[in-house]
Amino acid sequence: MVLATLRLLREQWIRAKYERNEFEFIEKQEPYSAGYREGFLWKRGRDNGQFLSRKFVLSEREGALKYFNKQDARDPKAVMKIETLNATFQPAKIGNPCGLQITYLKDNSTRNIFVYHSDAKEMVDWFNAIRAARFHYLQVAFPGASDEELVPKLTRNFMKEGFMEKTGPKHTEGFKKRWFTMDDRRLMYFKDPLDAYARGEVFIGSKENSYTVLAGLPASTQGYHWNHGITIVTPDRKFLFACETEAEQRDWIAAFQRVINRPMRPQEYAVEAHFKHKP
């Protein structure tokens, strides 16, 4: 994800400088910070998986990114608040070199939207417009913060993604293969990588709050599963996962450990308190 994003942004930076001469002629530069953007993107359908052209509108005044199923529709199909909006390039997952995954919170659960555009510049312009809108929102939300503090919060790549197996809360259910996405302290699992909604979400807190990660599974674990287990211990229960390879197990444990070792910020306690886990 990180390399894909950097590659696409670097390519458009080069084209902007040497093909479109945007560095020489300021009037040619895209007004990312204008506070409004409107256009059409190919969006993946939630149920049928088909990509259809949809109208998108980003408005800082309304504090939201919206999309419409029909060009002349008055009411949007979805309203994504800039407060929880994130965007990350996902060409391999989406199957398009300009594929962008947009996420936002709906009723405290993560909603995924997958879009692309045939023109790489158009897609990068949308990405930068989202980042600009996020920057202006954060300037208001955190008036004392410096630009250096705000820039890392504009958009983020997922810490890790991949398949693991999981069992239910009783630890007697069979293990099922699921696609996992770790978005900072949110660990989400999906039946398919392109699902709109997660089957469940797990909050990963800090070691100071009794969260730990262990290699392996309890001896009492039942059912067939991959050989390389991981146990996440939270104040409420244990979550059991299994990886196909030892290398994947190490990578996941390292990702979990990075989050657990980091003290929780005040706003993360609020997220933990209101977190909804779907078994």
Protein backbone atom coordinates (compact mmCIF):
# COMPACT_ATOMS: atom_id res chain seq x y z
CA MET A 1 0.00 0.00 0.00
CA VAL A 2 2.72 2.47 0.96
CA LEU A 3 4.77 1.75 -2.17
CA ALA A 4 1.70 1.91 -4.40
CA THR A 5 0.76 5.31 -2.99
CA LEU A 6 4.28 6.71 -3.28
CA ARG A 7 4.67 5.38 -6.83
CA LEU A 8 1.43 6.95 -8.02
CA LEU A 9 2.06 10.28 -6.28
CA ARG A 10 5.64 10.42 -7.56
CA GLU A 11 4.51 9.77 -11.14
CA GLN A 12 1.94 12.57 -10.99
CA TRP A 13 4.48 14.93 -9.37
CA ILE A 14 6.86 14.32 -12.30
CA ARG A 15 4.07 14.81 -14.85
CA ALA A 16 2.93 17.99 -13.10
CA LYS A 17 6.43 19.42 -13.24
CA TYR A 18 7.65 18.34 -16.66
CA GLU A 19 4.52 17.68 -18.76
CA ARG A 20 1.91 20.09 -17.41
CA ASN A 21 4.42 22.77 -16.27
CA GLU A 22 2.42 23.38 -13.11
CA PHE A 23 5.54 24.49 -11.21
CA GLU A 24 6.20 27.21 -13.79
CA PHE A 25 2.60 28.32 -14.34
CA ILE A 26 0.80 28.58 -11.01
CA GLU A 27 -2.60 28.97 -12.69
CA LYS A 28 -2.31 25.39 -13.98
CA GLN A 29 -2.07 23.92 -10.49
CA GLU A 30 -5.05 21.97 -9.18
CA PRO A 31 -6.80 23.97 -6.38
CA TYR A 32 -6.80 21.13 -3.83
CA SER A 33 -7.58 23.52 -1.00
CA ALA A 34 -10.59 25.12 -2.69
CA GLY A 35 -12.90 23.32 -0.27
CA TYR A 36 -15.12 21.79 -2.97
CA ARG A 37 -14.72 19.09 -5.59
CA GLU A 38 -17.25 17.37 -7.79
CA GLY A 39 -16.85 14.59 -10.34
CA PHE A 40 -17.56 11.03 -11.37
CA LEU A 41 -15.72 7.94 -10.17
CA TRP A 42 -16.22 4.25 -10.81
CA LYS A 43 -17.55 2.78 -7.56
CA ARG A 44 -17.82 -0.89 -6.65
CA GLY A 45 -21.33 -2.02 -5.81
CA ARG A 46 -21.78 -3.23 -2.24
CA ASP A 47 -23.82 -6.31 -3.18
CA ASN A 48 -23.09 -7.22 -6.81
CA GLY A 49 -19.42 -6.19 -7.01
CA GLN A 50 -19.91 -4.28 -10.28
CA PHE A 51 -18.18 -0.94 -10.81
CA LEU A 52 -20.62 1.78 -11.88
CA SER A 53 -20.12 5.48 -12.51
CA ARG A 54 -21.23 7.53 -9.52
CA LYS A 55 -21.22 11.27 -8.82
CA PHE A 56 -19.06 12.30 -5.85
CA VAL A 57 -19.12 15.69 -4.10
CA LEU A 58 -16.58 16.81 -1.49
CA SER A 59 -17.67 19.87 0.46
CA GLU A 60 -15.70 21.33 3.34
CA ARG A 61 -18.60 23.65 4.14
CA GLU A 62 -20.83 20.63 4.72
CA GLY A 63 -17.98 18.69 6.30
CA ALA A 64 -18.61 15.65 4.14
CA LEU A 65 -17.90 13.59 1.06
CA LYS A 66 -21.12 12.40 -0.61
CA TYR A 67 -21.96 10.18 -3.53
CA PHE A 68 -25.13 9.89 -5.60
CA ASN A 69 -26.49 6.85 -7.42
CA LYS A 70 -27.99 9.02 -10.17
CA GLN A 71 -26.63 12.16 -11.77
CA ASP A 72 -29.79 14.16 -11.08
CA ALA A 73 -30.48 12.70 -7.64
CA ARG A 74 -31.21 15.26 -4.93
CA ASP A 75 -30.41 13.05 -1.96
CA PRO A 76 -27.01 11.34 -1.61
CA LYS A 77 -26.70 7.60 -1.24
CA ALA A 78 -24.09 8.06 1.48
CA VAL A 79 -22.67 10.93 3.52
CA MET A 80 -19.11 10.45 4.78
CA LYS A 81 -18.03 12.92 7.45
CA ILE A 82 -14.60 14.43 6.90
CA GLU A 83 -13.97 13.87 10.62
CA THR A 84 -13.58 10.08 10.14
CA LEU A 85 -12.67 9.98 6.43
CA ASN A 86 -9.60 8.12 5.21
CA ALA A 87 -8.26 7.24 1.76
CA THR A 88 -5.51 4.88 0.70
CA PHE A 89 -4.46 3.60 -2.72
CA GLN A 90 -5.14 -0.13 -3.13
CA PRO A 91 -4.38 -1.08 -6.76
CA ALA A 92 -3.74 -4.79 -6.10
CA LYS A 93 -6.84 -5.28 -3.97
CA ILE A 94 -9.16 -3.35 -6.30
CA GLY A 95 -7.58 -4.65 -9.50
CA ASN A 96 -6.92 -1.22 -10.99
CA PRO A 97 -3.69 0.81 -10.97
CA CYS A 98 -5.64 3.85 -9.71
CA GLY A 99 -7.82 2.00 -7.19
CA LEU A 100 -8.58 3.99 -4.04
CA GLN A 101 -10.13 2.62 -0.84
CA ILE A 102 -12.16 5.18 1.10
CA THR A 103 -13.19 4.41 4.67
CA TYR A 104 -15.35 6.23 7.17
CA LEU A 105 -17.26 5.46 10.35
CA LYS A 106 -20.99 4.78 10.23
CA ASP A 107 -22.63 4.09 13.59
CA ASN A 108 -19.12 3.49 14.99
CA SER A 109 -18.44 0.74 12.45
CA THR A 110 -16.10 1.01 9.48
CA ARG A 111 -17.60 1.30 5.99
CA ASN A 112 -15.42 0.64 2.93
CA ILE A 113 -15.94 2.21 -0.49
CA PHE A 114 -13.77 1.16 -3.45
CA VAL A 115 -13.37 3.54 -6.38
CA TYR A 116 -11.13 4.19 -9.35
CA HIS A 117 -10.76 6.47 -12.36
CA SER A 118 -9.11 5.72 -15.69
CA ASP A 119 -7.12 8.96 -15.41
CA ALA A 120 -4.40 8.68 -12.77
CA LYS A 121 -4.25 12.47 -12.39
CA GLU A 122 -7.96 12.62 -11.59
CA MET A 123 -7.58 9.97 -8.92
CA VAL A 124 -4.55 11.66 -7.35
CA ASP A 125 -6.42 14.98 -7.41
CA TRP A 126 -9.28 13.40 -5.44
CA PHE A 127 -6.79 11.92 -2.98
CA ASN A 128 -5.14 15.31 -2.45
CA ALA A 129 -8.51 17.05 -2.15
CA ILE A 130 -9.50 14.65 0.62
CA ARG A 131 -6.20 15.30 2.39
CA ALA A 132 -6.69 19.08 2.06
CA ALA A 133 -10.21 18.82 3.51
CA ARG A 134 -8.90 16.71 6.37
CA PHE A 135 -6.13 19.25 7.02
CA HIS A 136 -8.57 22.14 7.29
CA TYR A 137 -10.84 20.09 9.58
CA LEU A 138 -7.93 19.19 11.86
CA GLN A 139 -6.77 22.82 12.03
CA VAL A 140 -10.15 23.69 13.54
CA ALA A 141 -10.37 20.57 15.73
CA PHE A 142 -6.84 21.02 17.11
CA PRO A 143 -6.14 24.79 16.99
CA GLY A 144 -2.93 24.54 18.99
CA ALA A 145 -1.34 21.83 16.84
CA SER A 146 1.44 22.60 14.37
CA ASP A 147 1.33 21.62 10.70
CA GLU A 148 3.99 19.00 11.40
CA GLU A 149 1.70 17.40 13.98
CA LEU A 150 -1.35 17.46 11.70
CA VAL A 151 0.14 16.16 8.43
CA PRO A 152 0.52 12.52 9.63
CA LYS A 153 -3.18 12.53 10.56
CA LEU A 154 -4.47 13.53 7.11
CA THR A 155 -4.65 10.02 5.67
CA ARG A 156 -3.05 6.76 6.72
CA ASN A 157 -2.11 3.43 5.22
CA PHE A 158 -3.25 0.30 7.03
CA MET A 159 -0.66 -1.17 9.38
CA LYS A 160 -1.19 -4.67 7.99
CA GLU A 161 -3.64 -6.70 5.92
CA GLY A 162 -3.94 -10.37 5.06
CA PHE A 163 -5.71 -13.65 5.69
CA MET A 164 -5.88 -15.31 9.09
CA GLU A 165 -8.24 -17.83 10.60
CA LYS A 166 -10.37 -17.01 13.64
CA THR A 167 -12.72 -18.76 16.02
CA GLY A 168 -15.66 -17.42 18.02
CA PRO A 169 -15.87 -16.12 21.60
CA LYS A 170 -16.48 -19.58 23.12
CA HIS A 171 -13.32 -20.96 21.44
CA THR A 172 -15.26 -24.11 20.56
CA GLU A 173 -16.49 -22.92 17.15
CA GLY A 174 -14.64 -23.97 14.03
CA PHE A 175 -11.91 -21.70 12.68
CA LYS A 176 -12.89 -19.68 9.60
CA LYS A 177 -10.64 -17.97 7.09
CA ARG A 178 -11.12 -14.21 7.09
CA TRP A 179 -9.44 -11.16 5.58
CA PHE A 180 -8.02 -8.94 8.33
CA THR A 181 -7.25 -5.23 8.16
CA MET A 182 -5.43 -3.43 10.95
CA ASP A 183 -6.25 0.27 10.89
CA ASP A 184 -4.34 1.69 13.83
CA ARG A 185 -6.20 0.34 16.91
CA ARG A 186 -9.06 -1.15 14.89
CA LEU A 187 -8.62 -4.76 13.81
CA MET A 188 -11.36 -5.62 11.31
CA TYR A 189 -12.17 -8.93 9.67
CA PHE A 190 -14.06 -9.54 6.45
CA LYS A 191 -15.26 -12.57 4.54
CA ASP A 192 -13.83 -10.99 1.37
CA PRO A 193 -11.18 -8.24 1.04
CA LEU A 194 -13.66 -6.09 -0.93
CA ASP A 195 -16.57 -6.33 1.49
CA ALA A 196 -18.25 -3.03 2.32
CA TYR A 197 -18.62 -3.85 6.02
CA ALA A 198 -16.52 -5.86 8.43
CA ARG A 199 -17.96 -9.01 10.00
CA GLY A 200 -16.47 -7.78 13.25
CA GLU A 201 -14.04 -5.29 14.75
CA VAL A 202 -11.66 -5.64 17.69
CA PHE A 203 -10.19 -2.73 19.61
CA ILE A 204 -6.47 -3.12 20.37
CA GLY A 205 -5.53 -1.06 23.41
CA SER A 206 -2.22 -0.62 25.24
CA LYS A 207 -0.25 -2.79 27.63
CA GLU A 208 -0.99 -0.29 30.41
CA ASN A 209 -4.64 -1.23 29.97
CA SER A 210 -4.09 -5.01 30.10
CA TYR A 211 -3.85 -5.71 26.36
CA THR A 212 -1.23 -8.29 25.34
CA VAL A 213 -0.35 -10.40 22.32
CA LEU A 214 0.96 -13.97 22.66
CA ALA A 215 2.37 -16.41 20.14
CA GLY A 216 0.39 -19.65 20.05
CA LEU A 217 -3.07 -20.74 21.17
CA PRO A 218 -4.37 -22.11 24.48
CA ALA A 219 -3.91 -25.85 24.87
CA SER A 220 -7.67 -26.29 25.10
CA THR A 221 -8.27 -24.82 21.62
CA GLN A 222 -10.51 -27.08 19.54
CA GLY A 223 -10.99 -27.63 15.80
CA TYR A 224 -8.73 -27.73 12.77
CA HIS A 225 -6.77 -24.55 12.14
CA TRP A 226 -3.54 -23.28 10.64
CA ASN A 227 -0.46 -24.10 12.69
CA HIS A 228 0.80 -20.67 13.70
CA GLY A 229 -1.49 -19.23 16.34
CA ILE A 230 -1.85 -15.79 17.90
CA THR A 231 -3.75 -14.90 21.07
CA ILE A 232 -4.85 -11.34 21.74
CA VAL A 233 -5.69 -10.79 25.41
CA THR A 234 -8.04 -7.91 26.21
CA PRO A 235 -9.69 -6.90 29.51
CA ASP A 236 -12.90 -8.63 28.37
CA ARG A 237 -11.84 -11.79 26.51
CA LYS A 238 -9.22 -13.56 24.43
CA PHE A 239 -9.24 -13.49 20.64
CA LEU A 240 -7.71 -16.50 18.88
CA PHE A 241 -6.23 -16.28 15.38
CA ALA A 242 -4.13 -18.63 13.25
CA CYS A 243 -1.68 -17.83 10.44
CA GLU A 244 -0.74 -20.05 7.52
CA THR A 245 3.01 -19.42 7.83
CA GLU A 246 5.44 -18.57 10.60
CA ALA A 247 6.50 -15.45 8.71
CA GLU A 248 2.91 -14.18 8.68
CA GLN A 249 2.62 -14.94 12.38
CA ARG A 250 5.74 -12.89 13.12
CA ASP A 251 4.52 -9.97 11.01
CA TRP A 252 1.11 -9.88 12.66
CA ILE A 253 2.56 -10.14 16.17
CA ALA A 254 4.97 -7.29 15.37
CA ALA A 255 2.07 -5.12 14.14
CA PHE A 256 0.00 -5.88 17.24
CA GLN A 257 2.97 -5.23 19.51
CA ARG A 258 3.64 -1.80 17.98
CA VAL A 259 0.12 -0.70 18.84
CA ILE A 260 0.03 -2.33 22.28
CA ASN A 261 3.36 -0.73 23.25
CA ARG A 262 2.01 2.74 22.42
CA PRO A 263 0.15 4.52 25.27
CA MET A 264 -3.46 5.36 24.49
CA ARG A 265 -4.40 8.97 23.75
CA PRO A 266 -7.38 10.52 25.60
CA GLN A 267 -9.64 10.28 22.53
CA GLU A 268 -8.81 6.58 22.17
CA TYR A 269 -10.33 5.87 25.57
CA ALA A 270 -13.61 7.22 24.19
CA VAL A 271 -13.30 4.91 21.17
CA GLU A 272 -12.65 1.96 23.47
CA ALA A 273 -15.67 2.82 25.63
CA HIS A 274 -18.05 2.97 22.69
CA PHE A 275 -16.51 0.19 20.64
CA LYS A 276 -18.91 -2.31 19.18
CA HIS A 277 -17.57 -5.80 18.54
CA LYS A 278 -19.55 -8.12 16.30
CA PRO A 279 -18.60 -11.74 17.13
